[in-house]
ModelCIF file with pLDDT and N, C-alpha, C, O atoms, coordinates in Angstrom:
data_MODEL
#
_entry.id   MODEL 
#
_entity.id                         1 
_entity.type                       polymer 
_entity.pdbx_number_of_molecules   1 
#
_entity_poly.entity_id                      1 
_entity_poly.type                           'polypeptide(L)' 
_entity_poly.nstd_linkage                   no 
_entity_poly.nstd_monomer                   no 
_entity_poly.pdbx_seq_one_letter_code       EAAVAGIPLAHTRPIPGCEDCNQAFYNSHGLSVSADSERQLVEMAMD 
_entity_poly.pdbx_seq_one_letter_code_can   EAAVAGIPLAHTRPIPGCEDCNQAFYNSHGLSVSADSERQLVEMAMD 
_entity_poly.pdbx_strand_id                 A 
#
loop_
_entity_poly_seq.entity_id 
_entity_poly_seq.num 
_entity_poly_seq.mon_id 
_entity_poly_seq.hetero 
1 1  GLU n 
1 2  ALA n 
1 3  ALA n 
1 4  VAL n 
1 5  ALA n 
1 6  GLY n 
1 7  ILE n 
1 8  PRO n 
1 9  LEU n 
1 10 ALA n 
1 11 HIS n 
1 12 THR n 
1 13 ARG n 
1 14 PRO n 
1 15 ILE n 
1 16 PRO n 
1 17 GLY n 
1 18 CYS n 
1 19 GLU n 
1 20 ASP n 
1 21 CYS n 
1 22 ASN n 
1 23 GLN n 
1 24 ALA n 
1 25 PHE n 
1 26 TYR n 
1 27 ASN n 
1 28 SER n 
1 29 HIS n 
1 30 GLY n 
1 31 LEU n 
1 32 SER n 
1 33 VAL n 
1 34 SER n 
1 35 ALA n 
1 36 ASP n 
1 37 SER n 
1 38 GLU n 
1 39 ARG n 
1 40 GLN n 
1 41 LEU n 
1 42 VAL n 
1 43 GLU n 
1 44 MET n 
1 45 ALA n 
1 46 MET n 
1 47 ASP n 
#
_struct_asym.id          A 
_struct_asym.entity_id   1 
#
loop_
_ma_qa_metric.id 
_ma_qa_metric.mode 
_ma_qa_metric.name 
_ma_qa_metric.software_group_id 
_ma_qa_metric.type 
1 global pLDDT . pLDDT 
2 local  pLDDT . pLDDT 
#
_ma_qa_metric_global.metric_id      1 
_ma_qa_metric_global.metric_value   94.68 
_ma_qa_metric_global.model_id       1 
_ma_qa_metric_global.ordinal_id     1 
#
loop_
_ma_qa_metric_local.label_asym_id 
_ma_qa_metric_local.label_comp_id 
_ma_qa_metric_local.label_seq_id 
_ma_qa_metric_local.metric_id 
_ma_qa_metric_local.metric_value 
_ma_qa_metric_local.model_id 
_ma_qa_metric_local.ordinal_id 
A GLU 1  2 97.00 1 1  
A ALA 2  2 97.00 1 2  
A ALA 3  2 98.00 1 3  
A VAL 4  2 97.00 1 4  
A ALA 5  2 97.00 1 5  
A GLY 6  2 96.00 1 6  
A ILE 7  2 96.00 1 7  
A PRO 8  2 97.00 1 8  
A LEU 9  2 98.00 1 9  
A ALA 10 2 97.00 1 10 
A HIS 11 2 97.00 1 11 
A THR 12 2 94.00 1 12 
A ARG 13 2 89.00 1 13 
A PRO 14 2 88.00 1 14 
A ILE 15 2 82.00 1 15 
A PRO 16 2 82.00 1 16 
A GLY 17 2 82.00 1 17 
A CYS 18 2 88.00 1 18 
A GLU 19 2 92.00 1 19 
A ASP 20 2 93.00 1 20 
A CYS 21 2 94.00 1 21 
A ASN 22 2 96.00 1 22 
A GLN 23 2 97.00 1 23 
A ALA 24 2 97.00 1 24 
A PHE 25 2 98.00 1 25 
A TYR 26 2 98.00 1 26 
A ASN 27 2 97.00 1 27 
A SER 28 2 97.00 1 28 
A HIS 29 2 98.00 1 29 
A GLY 30 2 97.00 1 30 
A LEU 31 2 98.00 1 31 
A SER 32 2 98.00 1 32 
A VAL 33 2 97.00 1 33 
A SER 34 2 96.00 1 34 
A ALA 35 2 95.00 1 35 
A ASP 36 2 91.00 1 36 
A SER 37 2 93.00 1 37 
A GLU 38 2 94.00 1 38 
A ARG 39 2 95.00 1 39 
A GLN 40 2 96.00 1 40 
A LEU 41 2 96.00 1 41 
A VAL 42 2 96.00 1 42 
A GLU 43 2 96.00 1 43 
A MET 44 2 96.00 1 44 
A ALA 45 2 96.00 1 45 
A MET 46 2 95.00 1 46 
A ASP 47 2 96.00 1 47 
#
loop_
_atom_site.group_PDB 
_atom_site.id 
_atom_site.type_symbol 
_atom_site.label_atom_id 
_atom_site.label_alt_id 
_atom_site.label_comp_id 
_atom_site.label_asym_id 
_atom_site.label_entity_id 
_atom_site.label_seq_id 
_atom_site.pdbx_PDB_ins_code 
_atom_site.Cartn_x 
_atom_site.Cartn_y 
_atom_site.Cartn_z 
_atom_site.occupancy 
_atom_site.B_iso_or_equiv 
_atom_site.pdbx_formal_charge 
_atom_site.auth_seq_id 
_atom_site.auth_comp_id 
_atom_site.auth_asym_id 
_atom_site.auth_atom_id 
_atom_site.pdbx_PDB_model_num 
ATOM 1   N N  . GLU A 1 1  ? 1.034  -1.532  0.174  1.00 97.00 ? 1  GLU A N  1 
ATOM 2   C CA . GLU A 1 1  ? 0.501  0.313   -0.039 1.00 97.00 ? 1  GLU A CA 1 
ATOM 3   C C  . GLU A 1 1  ? 0.882  1.145   0.016  1.00 97.00 ? 1  GLU A C  1 
ATOM 4   O O  . GLU A 1 1  ? 0.404  1.945   -0.789 1.00 97.00 ? 1  GLU A O  1 
ATOM 5   N N  . ALA A 1 2  ? 1.927  1.656   0.872  1.00 97.00 ? 2  ALA A N  1 
ATOM 6   C CA . ALA A 1 2  ? 3.164  2.199   0.995  1.00 97.00 ? 2  ALA A CA 1 
ATOM 7   C C  . ALA A 1 2  ? 3.589  2.967   -0.279 1.00 97.00 ? 2  ALA A C  1 
ATOM 8   O O  . ALA A 1 2  ? 3.720  4.086   -0.776 1.00 97.00 ? 2  ALA A O  1 
ATOM 9   N N  . ALA A 1 3  ? 3.748  1.310   -0.533 1.00 98.00 ? 3  ALA A N  1 
ATOM 10  C CA . ALA A 1 3  ? 4.517  1.271   -1.794 1.00 98.00 ? 3  ALA A CA 1 
ATOM 11  C C  . ALA A 1 3  ? 3.802  2.181   -3.818 1.00 98.00 ? 3  ALA A C  1 
ATOM 12  O O  . ALA A 1 3  ? 4.232  2.864   -4.748 1.00 98.00 ? 3  ALA A O  1 
ATOM 13  N N  . VAL A 1 4  ? 2.390  1.391   -3.297 1.00 97.00 ? 4  VAL A N  1 
ATOM 14  C CA . VAL A 1 4  ? 1.597  2.121   -4.703 1.00 97.00 ? 4  VAL A CA 1 
ATOM 15  C C  . VAL A 1 4  ? 1.418  3.694   -4.252 1.00 97.00 ? 4  VAL A C  1 
ATOM 16  O O  . VAL A 1 4  ? 1.504  4.628   -5.050 1.00 97.00 ? 4  VAL A O  1 
ATOM 17  N N  . ALA A 1 5  ? 1.097  3.869   -2.532 1.00 97.00 ? 5  ALA A N  1 
ATOM 18  C CA . ALA A 1 5  ? 0.625  5.058   -2.767 1.00 97.00 ? 5  ALA A CA 1 
ATOM 19  C C  . ALA A 1 5  ? 2.032  6.583   -3.164 1.00 97.00 ? 5  ALA A C  1 
ATOM 20  O O  . ALA A 1 5  ? 1.943  7.774   -3.459 1.00 97.00 ? 5  ALA A O  1 
ATOM 21  N N  . GLY A 1 6  ? 3.153  5.619   -2.937 1.00 96.00 ? 6  GLY A N  1 
ATOM 22  C CA . GLY A 1 6  ? 4.739  6.610   -3.871 1.00 96.00 ? 6  GLY A CA 1 
ATOM 23  C C  . GLY A 1 6  ? 4.592  7.381   -2.240 1.00 96.00 ? 6  GLY A C  1 
ATOM 24  O O  . GLY A 1 6  ? 4.001  8.443   -2.043 1.00 96.00 ? 6  GLY A O  1 
ATOM 25  N N  . ILE A 1 7  ? 5.240  6.604   -1.247 1.00 96.00 ? 7  ILE A N  1 
ATOM 26  C CA . ILE A 1 7  ? 5.505  6.941   0.238  1.00 96.00 ? 7  ILE A CA 1 
ATOM 27  C C  . ILE A 1 7  ? 7.125  6.214   0.347  1.00 96.00 ? 7  ILE A C  1 
ATOM 28  O O  . ILE A 1 7  ? 7.397  5.021   0.490  1.00 96.00 ? 7  ILE A O  1 
ATOM 29  N N  . PRO A 1 8  ? 8.395  7.815   0.179  1.00 97.00 ? 8  PRO A N  1 
ATOM 30  C CA . PRO A 1 8  ? 9.734  7.169   1.547  1.00 97.00 ? 8  PRO A CA 1 
ATOM 31  C C  . PRO A 1 8  ? 8.932  5.940   2.586  1.00 97.00 ? 8  PRO A C  1 
ATOM 32  O O  . PRO A 1 8  ? 7.723  5.949   2.819  1.00 97.00 ? 8  PRO A O  1 
ATOM 33  N N  . LEU A 1 9  ? 9.607  5.239   2.955  1.00 98.00 ? 9  LEU A N  1 
ATOM 34  C CA . LEU A 1 9  ? 9.449  3.890   3.668  1.00 98.00 ? 9  LEU A CA 1 
ATOM 35  C C  . LEU A 1 9  ? 10.438 3.335   4.238  1.00 98.00 ? 9  LEU A C  1 
ATOM 36  O O  . LEU A 1 9  ? 11.329 2.663   3.719  1.00 98.00 ? 9  LEU A O  1 
ATOM 37  N N  . ALA A 1 10 ? 10.183 3.805   6.035  1.00 97.00 ? 10 ALA A N  1 
ATOM 38  C CA . ALA A 1 10 ? 11.387 3.003   6.377  1.00 97.00 ? 10 ALA A CA 1 
ATOM 39  C C  . ALA A 1 10 ? 11.128 1.872   7.240  1.00 97.00 ? 10 ALA A C  1 
ATOM 40  O O  . ALA A 1 10 ? 10.760 2.266   8.347  1.00 97.00 ? 10 ALA A O  1 
ATOM 41  N N  . HIS A 1 11 ? 11.186 0.543   7.140  1.00 97.00 ? 11 HIS A N  1 
ATOM 42  C CA . HIS A 1 11 ? 10.389 -0.196  7.615  1.00 97.00 ? 11 HIS A CA 1 
ATOM 43  C C  . HIS A 1 11 ? 11.279 -0.835  9.235  1.00 97.00 ? 11 HIS A C  1 
ATOM 44  O O  . HIS A 1 11 ? 12.483 -1.089  9.217  1.00 97.00 ? 11 HIS A O  1 
ATOM 45  N N  . THR A 1 12 ? 10.419 -0.999  10.502 1.00 94.00 ? 12 THR A N  1 
ATOM 46  C CA . THR A 1 12 ? 10.763 -1.360  11.517 1.00 94.00 ? 12 THR A CA 1 
ATOM 47  C C  . THR A 1 12 ? 10.789 -3.286  11.891 1.00 94.00 ? 12 THR A C  1 
ATOM 48  O O  . THR A 1 12 ? 10.601 -4.326  11.260 1.00 94.00 ? 12 THR A O  1 
ATOM 49  N N  . ARG A 1 13 ? 11.074 -2.958  13.015 1.00 89.00 ? 13 ARG A N  1 
ATOM 50  C CA . ARG A 1 13 ? 11.910 -4.478  13.843 1.00 89.00 ? 13 ARG A CA 1 
ATOM 51  C C  . ARG A 1 13 ? 10.392 -5.339  12.938 1.00 89.00 ? 13 ARG A C  1 
ATOM 52  O O  . ARG A 1 13 ? 9.242  -5.227  13.363 1.00 89.00 ? 13 ARG A O  1 
ATOM 53  N N  . PRO A 1 14 ? 10.766 -6.145  11.680 1.00 88.00 ? 14 PRO A N  1 
ATOM 54  C CA . PRO A 1 14 ? 9.261  -7.163  11.855 1.00 88.00 ? 14 PRO A CA 1 
ATOM 55  C C  . PRO A 1 14 ? 9.770  -8.715  12.332 1.00 88.00 ? 14 PRO A C  1 
ATOM 56  O O  . PRO A 1 14 ? 10.818 -9.341  12.493 1.00 88.00 ? 14 PRO A O  1 
ATOM 57  N N  . ILE A 1 15 ? 8.004  -8.938  12.467 1.00 82.00 ? 15 ILE A N  1 
ATOM 58  C CA . ILE A 1 15 ? 7.935  -10.411 13.414 1.00 82.00 ? 15 ILE A CA 1 
ATOM 59  C C  . ILE A 1 15 ? 7.957  -11.181 12.044 1.00 82.00 ? 15 ILE A C  1 
ATOM 60  O O  . ILE A 1 15 ? 7.401  -11.323 10.956 1.00 82.00 ? 15 ILE A O  1 
ATOM 61  N N  . PRO A 1 16 ? 9.423  -11.744 13.199 1.00 82.00 ? 16 PRO A N  1 
ATOM 62  C CA . PRO A 1 16 ? 10.669 -12.861 12.706 1.00 82.00 ? 16 PRO A CA 1 
ATOM 63  C C  . PRO A 1 16 ? 8.871  -13.625 11.632 1.00 82.00 ? 16 PRO A C  1 
ATOM 64  O O  . PRO A 1 16 ? 7.664  -13.643 11.872 1.00 82.00 ? 16 PRO A O  1 
ATOM 65  N N  . GLY A 1 17 ? 10.227 -14.343 9.923  1.00 82.00 ? 17 GLY A N  1 
ATOM 66  C CA . GLY A 1 17 ? 9.348  -14.869 9.307  1.00 82.00 ? 17 GLY A CA 1 
ATOM 67  C C  . GLY A 1 17 ? 9.340  -14.247 8.062  1.00 82.00 ? 17 GLY A C  1 
ATOM 68  O O  . GLY A 1 17 ? 10.386 -14.045 7.446  1.00 82.00 ? 17 GLY A O  1 
ATOM 69  N N  . CYS A 1 18 ? 8.293  -13.942 7.663  1.00 88.00 ? 18 CYS A N  1 
ATOM 70  C CA . CYS A 1 18 ? 7.802  -13.746 6.344  1.00 88.00 ? 18 CYS A CA 1 
ATOM 71  C C  . CYS A 1 18 ? 8.275  -12.666 6.188  1.00 88.00 ? 18 CYS A C  1 
ATOM 72  O O  . CYS A 1 18 ? 8.914  -12.184 5.252  1.00 88.00 ? 18 CYS A O  1 
ATOM 73  N N  . GLU A 1 19 ? 7.899  -12.208 7.285  1.00 92.00 ? 19 GLU A N  1 
ATOM 74  C CA . GLU A 1 19 ? 7.932  -10.537 6.866  1.00 92.00 ? 19 GLU A CA 1 
ATOM 75  C C  . GLU A 1 19 ? 9.680  -9.962  7.295  1.00 92.00 ? 19 GLU A C  1 
ATOM 76  O O  . GLU A 1 19 ? 10.100 -8.807  7.365  1.00 92.00 ? 19 GLU A O  1 
ATOM 77  N N  . ASP A 1 20 ? 10.273 -11.030 7.482  1.00 93.00 ? 20 ASP A N  1 
ATOM 78  C CA . ASP A 1 20 ? 12.013 -11.168 6.569  1.00 93.00 ? 20 ASP A CA 1 
ATOM 79  C C  . ASP A 1 20 ? 11.952 -10.715 5.800  1.00 93.00 ? 20 ASP A C  1 
ATOM 80  O O  . ASP A 1 20 ? 12.435 -9.582  5.788  1.00 93.00 ? 20 ASP A O  1 
ATOM 81  N N  . CYS A 1 21 ? 11.348 -11.219 4.632  1.00 94.00 ? 21 CYS A N  1 
ATOM 82  C CA . CYS A 1 21 ? 11.983 -11.611 3.257  1.00 94.00 ? 21 CYS A CA 1 
ATOM 83  C C  . CYS A 1 21 ? 11.723 -9.956  3.090  1.00 94.00 ? 21 CYS A C  1 
ATOM 84  O O  . CYS A 1 21 ? 12.435 -9.023  2.721  1.00 94.00 ? 21 CYS A O  1 
ATOM 85  N N  . ASN A 1 22 ? 9.955  -10.109 3.680  1.00 96.00 ? 22 ASN A N  1 
ATOM 86  C CA . ASN A 1 22 ? 9.656  -9.281  2.705  1.00 96.00 ? 22 ASN A CA 1 
ATOM 87  C C  . ASN A 1 22 ? 9.959  -7.348  3.079  1.00 96.00 ? 22 ASN A C  1 
ATOM 88  O O  . ASN A 1 22 ? 9.358  -6.303  2.830  1.00 96.00 ? 22 ASN A O  1 
ATOM 89  N N  . GLN A 1 23 ? 11.116 -7.707  3.726  1.00 97.00 ? 23 GLN A N  1 
ATOM 90  C CA . GLN A 1 23 ? 11.891 -6.300  4.254  1.00 97.00 ? 23 GLN A CA 1 
ATOM 91  C C  . GLN A 1 23 ? 13.321 -6.556  3.274  1.00 97.00 ? 23 GLN A C  1 
ATOM 92  O O  . GLN A 1 23 ? 13.754 -5.745  2.455  1.00 97.00 ? 23 GLN A O  1 
ATOM 93  N N  . ALA A 1 24 ? 13.860 -7.777  3.567  1.00 97.00 ? 24 ALA A N  1 
ATOM 94  C CA . ALA A 1 24 ? 14.834 -8.055  2.614  1.00 97.00 ? 24 ALA A CA 1 
ATOM 95  C C  . ALA A 1 24 ? 14.861 -7.250  0.997  1.00 97.00 ? 24 ALA A C  1 
ATOM 96  O O  . ALA A 1 24 ? 15.463 -6.332  0.439  1.00 97.00 ? 24 ALA A O  1 
ATOM 97  N N  . PHE A 1 25 ? 13.579 -8.464  0.636  1.00 98.00 ? 25 PHE A N  1 
ATOM 98  C CA . PHE A 1 25 ? 12.974 -7.838  -1.011 1.00 98.00 ? 25 PHE A CA 1 
ATOM 99  C C  . PHE A 1 25 ? 12.787 -6.317  -1.474 1.00 98.00 ? 25 PHE A C  1 
ATOM 100 O O  . PHE A 1 25 ? 13.151 -5.989  -2.604 1.00 98.00 ? 25 PHE A O  1 
ATOM 101 N N  . TYR A 1 26 ? 12.303 -5.531  -0.728 1.00 98.00 ? 26 TYR A N  1 
ATOM 102 C CA . TYR A 1 26 ? 11.959 -4.125  -0.593 1.00 98.00 ? 26 TYR A CA 1 
ATOM 103 C C  . TYR A 1 26 ? 13.563 -3.103  -0.429 1.00 98.00 ? 26 TYR A C  1 
ATOM 104 O O  . TYR A 1 26 ? 13.883 -2.033  -0.946 1.00 98.00 ? 26 TYR A O  1 
ATOM 105 N N  . ASN A 1 27 ? 14.450 -4.227  0.732  1.00 97.00 ? 27 ASN A N  1 
ATOM 106 C CA . ASN A 1 27 ? 15.923 -3.333  0.964  1.00 97.00 ? 27 ASN A CA 1 
ATOM 107 C C  . ASN A 1 27 ? 16.526 -3.734  -0.428 1.00 97.00 ? 27 ASN A C  1 
ATOM 108 O O  . ASN A 1 27 ? 16.638 -2.861  -1.288 1.00 97.00 ? 27 ASN A O  1 
ATOM 109 N N  . SER A 1 28 ? 16.970 -5.199  -0.714 1.00 97.00 ? 28 SER A N  1 
ATOM 110 C CA . SER A 1 28 ? 17.751 -4.984  -1.872 1.00 97.00 ? 28 SER A CA 1 
ATOM 111 C C  . SER A 1 28 ? 16.301 -4.210  -3.321 1.00 97.00 ? 28 SER A C  1 
ATOM 112 O O  . SER A 1 28 ? 16.070 -5.171  -4.054 1.00 97.00 ? 28 SER A O  1 
ATOM 113 N N  . HIS A 1 29 ? 15.706 -3.348  -3.665 1.00 98.00 ? 29 HIS A N  1 
ATOM 114 C CA . HIS A 1 29 ? 15.203 -2.899  -4.714 1.00 98.00 ? 29 HIS A CA 1 
ATOM 115 C C  . HIS A 1 29 ? 15.068 -1.635  -4.035 1.00 98.00 ? 29 HIS A C  1 
ATOM 116 O O  . HIS A 1 29 ? 13.985 -1.052  -4.088 1.00 98.00 ? 29 HIS A O  1 
ATOM 117 N N  . GLY A 1 30 ? 16.098 -1.114  -3.366 1.00 97.00 ? 30 GLY A N  1 
ATOM 118 C CA . GLY A 1 30 ? 16.005 0.556   -2.631 1.00 97.00 ? 30 GLY A CA 1 
ATOM 119 C C  . GLY A 1 30 ? 14.569 1.488   -2.762 1.00 97.00 ? 30 GLY A C  1 
ATOM 120 O O  . GLY A 1 30 ? 14.219 2.644   -2.998 1.00 97.00 ? 30 GLY A O  1 
ATOM 121 N N  . LEU A 1 31 ? 13.745 -0.443  -2.299 1.00 98.00 ? 31 LEU A N  1 
ATOM 122 C CA . LEU A 1 31 ? 12.308 0.516   -1.643 1.00 98.00 ? 31 LEU A CA 1 
ATOM 123 C C  . LEU A 1 31 ? 11.513 1.436   -0.521 1.00 98.00 ? 31 LEU A C  1 
ATOM 124 O O  . LEU A 1 31 ? 10.449 2.038   -0.375 1.00 98.00 ? 31 LEU A O  1 
ATOM 125 N N  . SER A 1 32 ? 12.991 1.081   0.312  1.00 98.00 ? 32 SER A N  1 
ATOM 126 C CA . SER A 1 32 ? 13.000 1.318   1.658  1.00 98.00 ? 32 SER A CA 1 
ATOM 127 C C  . SER A 1 32 ? 13.783 1.014   2.294  1.00 98.00 ? 32 SER A C  1 
ATOM 128 O O  . SER A 1 32 ? 14.460 0.127   1.774  1.00 98.00 ? 32 SER A O  1 
ATOM 129 N N  . VAL A 1 33 ? 14.256 1.441   3.726  1.00 97.00 ? 33 VAL A N  1 
ATOM 130 C CA . VAL A 1 33 ? 15.694 2.044   4.482  1.00 97.00 ? 33 VAL A CA 1 
ATOM 131 C C  . VAL A 1 33 ? 14.962 0.517   5.946  1.00 97.00 ? 33 VAL A C  1 
ATOM 132 O O  . VAL A 1 33 ? 13.888 0.273   6.496  1.00 97.00 ? 33 VAL A O  1 
ATOM 133 N N  . SER A 1 34 ? 15.768 0.184   5.948  1.00 96.00 ? 34 SER A N  1 
ATOM 134 C CA . SER A 1 34 ? 15.607 -0.070  7.531  1.00 96.00 ? 34 SER A CA 1 
ATOM 135 C C  . SER A 1 34 ? 16.834 -0.558  8.287  1.00 96.00 ? 34 SER A C  1 
ATOM 136 O O  . SER A 1 34 ? 17.786 -0.179  7.605  1.00 96.00 ? 34 SER A O  1 
ATOM 137 N N  . ALA A 1 35 ? 17.405 -1.374  9.625  1.00 95.00 ? 35 ALA A N  1 
ATOM 138 C CA . ALA A 1 35 ? 18.216 -1.284  10.414 1.00 95.00 ? 35 ALA A CA 1 
ATOM 139 C C  . ALA A 1 35 ? 18.359 -2.176  11.826 1.00 95.00 ? 35 ALA A C  1 
ATOM 140 O O  . ALA A 1 35 ? 17.501 -2.826  12.423 1.00 95.00 ? 35 ALA A O  1 
ATOM 141 N N  . ASP A 1 36 ? 19.144 -2.053  11.993 1.00 91.00 ? 36 ASP A N  1 
ATOM 142 C CA . ASP A 1 36 ? 18.760 -3.459  13.804 1.00 91.00 ? 36 ASP A CA 1 
ATOM 143 C C  . ASP A 1 36 ? 19.282 -2.924  15.337 1.00 91.00 ? 36 ASP A C  1 
ATOM 144 O O  . ASP A 1 36 ? 19.796 -3.226  16.414 1.00 91.00 ? 36 ASP A O  1 
ATOM 145 N N  . SER A 1 37 ? 18.632 -1.750  14.387 1.00 93.00 ? 37 SER A N  1 
ATOM 146 C CA . SER A 1 37 ? 18.692 -0.511  16.424 1.00 93.00 ? 37 SER A CA 1 
ATOM 147 C C  . SER A 1 37 ? 17.240 0.653   15.858 1.00 93.00 ? 37 SER A C  1 
ATOM 148 O O  . SER A 1 37 ? 16.923 0.989   14.717 1.00 93.00 ? 37 SER A O  1 
ATOM 149 N N  . GLU A 1 38 ? 16.950 0.826   16.493 1.00 94.00 ? 38 GLU A N  1 
ATOM 150 C CA . GLU A 1 38 ? 15.555 2.064   16.808 1.00 94.00 ? 38 GLU A CA 1 
ATOM 151 C C  . GLU A 1 38 ? 16.504 2.892   16.213 1.00 94.00 ? 38 GLU A C  1 
ATOM 152 O O  . GLU A 1 38 ? 16.465 2.661   15.004 1.00 94.00 ? 38 GLU A O  1 
ATOM 153 N N  . ARG A 1 39 ? 17.322 3.726   16.463 1.00 95.00 ? 39 ARG A N  1 
ATOM 154 C CA . ARG A 1 39 ? 18.299 4.914   17.000 1.00 95.00 ? 39 ARG A CA 1 
ATOM 155 C C  . ARG A 1 39 ? 19.271 4.525   15.458 1.00 95.00 ? 39 ARG A C  1 
ATOM 156 O O  . ARG A 1 39 ? 19.986 5.381   14.936 1.00 95.00 ? 39 ARG A O  1 
ATOM 157 N N  . GLN A 1 40 ? 19.162 3.455   15.035 1.00 96.00 ? 40 GLN A N  1 
ATOM 158 C CA . GLN A 1 40 ? 19.733 3.324   13.837 1.00 96.00 ? 40 GLN A CA 1 
ATOM 159 C C  . GLN A 1 40 ? 19.430 3.809   12.077 1.00 96.00 ? 40 GLN A C  1 
ATOM 160 O O  . GLN A 1 40 ? 19.921 4.261   11.042 1.00 96.00 ? 40 GLN A O  1 
ATOM 161 N N  . LEU A 1 41 ? 18.012 3.202   12.874 1.00 96.00 ? 41 LEU A N  1 
ATOM 162 C CA . LEU A 1 41 ? 16.773 3.982   11.755 1.00 96.00 ? 41 LEU A CA 1 
ATOM 163 C C  . LEU A 1 41 ? 16.593 4.914   11.881 1.00 96.00 ? 41 LEU A C  1 
ATOM 164 O O  . LEU A 1 41 ? 17.047 5.758   11.109 1.00 96.00 ? 41 LEU A O  1 
ATOM 165 N N  . VAL A 1 42 ? 15.520 5.343   13.363 1.00 96.00 ? 42 VAL A N  1 
ATOM 166 C CA . VAL A 1 42 ? 15.688 7.220   13.014 1.00 96.00 ? 42 VAL A CA 1 
ATOM 167 C C  . VAL A 1 42 ? 16.555 7.527   12.045 1.00 96.00 ? 42 VAL A C  1 
ATOM 168 O O  . VAL A 1 42 ? 16.062 7.721   10.934 1.00 96.00 ? 42 VAL A O  1 
ATOM 169 N N  . GLU A 1 43 ? 18.079 7.655   12.200 1.00 96.00 ? 43 GLU A N  1 
ATOM 170 C CA . GLU A 1 43 ? 18.949 8.394   11.297 1.00 96.00 ? 43 GLU A CA 1 
ATOM 171 C C  . GLU A 1 43 ? 18.991 8.134   10.377 1.00 96.00 ? 43 GLU A C  1 
ATOM 172 O O  . GLU A 1 43 ? 18.895 9.092   9.610  1.00 96.00 ? 43 GLU A O  1 
ATOM 173 N N  . MET A 1 44 ? 19.168 6.640   9.658  1.00 96.00 ? 44 MET A N  1 
ATOM 174 C CA . MET A 1 44 ? 18.777 6.978   8.608  1.00 96.00 ? 44 MET A CA 1 
ATOM 175 C C  . MET A 1 44 ? 17.376 7.525   7.680  1.00 96.00 ? 44 MET A C  1 
ATOM 176 O O  . MET A 1 44 ? 17.615 7.876   6.525  1.00 96.00 ? 44 MET A O  1 
ATOM 177 N N  . ALA A 1 45 ? 16.208 7.585   8.079  1.00 96.00 ? 45 ALA A N  1 
ATOM 178 C CA . ALA A 1 45 ? 15.133 7.314   7.439  1.00 96.00 ? 45 ALA A CA 1 
ATOM 179 C C  . ALA A 1 45 ? 15.110 9.718   7.728  1.00 96.00 ? 45 ALA A C  1 
ATOM 180 O O  . ALA A 1 45 ? 14.463 10.545  7.086  1.00 96.00 ? 45 ALA A O  1 
ATOM 181 N N  . MET A 1 46 ? 15.868 9.886   8.630  1.00 95.00 ? 46 MET A N  1 
ATOM 182 C CA . MET A 1 46 ? 15.676 11.430  9.307  1.00 95.00 ? 46 MET A CA 1 
ATOM 183 C C  . MET A 1 46 ? 17.292 11.984  7.527  1.00 95.00 ? 46 MET A C  1 
ATOM 184 O O  . MET A 1 46 ? 17.595 12.976  6.863  1.00 95.00 ? 46 MET A O  1 
ATOM 185 N N  . ASP A 1 47 ? 17.714 10.546  7.653  1.00 96.00 ? 47 ASP A N  1 
ATOM 186 C CA . ASP A 1 47 ? 18.489 11.625  6.901  1.00 96.00 ? 47 ASP A CA 1 
ATOM 187 C C  . ASP A 1 47 ? 18.346 11.466  5.488  1.00 96.00 ? 47 ASP A C  1 
ATOM 188 O O  . ASP A 1 47 ? 18.904 12.248  4.718  1.00 96.00 ? 47 ASP A O  1 
#
C-alpha cells in the first residue's frame, strides 16, 4: 500500500518469518530503509 501510494518508507522490526523476506525484498530494490536498532533507523530515516 505504501509503495503504491508512493511514500518514502522506513521498515521497523519485522515479525520473524515472512516479514524478514518482505524487508529483504524491499531493501534489495531500494524501496525502503531498515536498520538493526531504532536509533540507527531514525538516523537513516531523518537523513
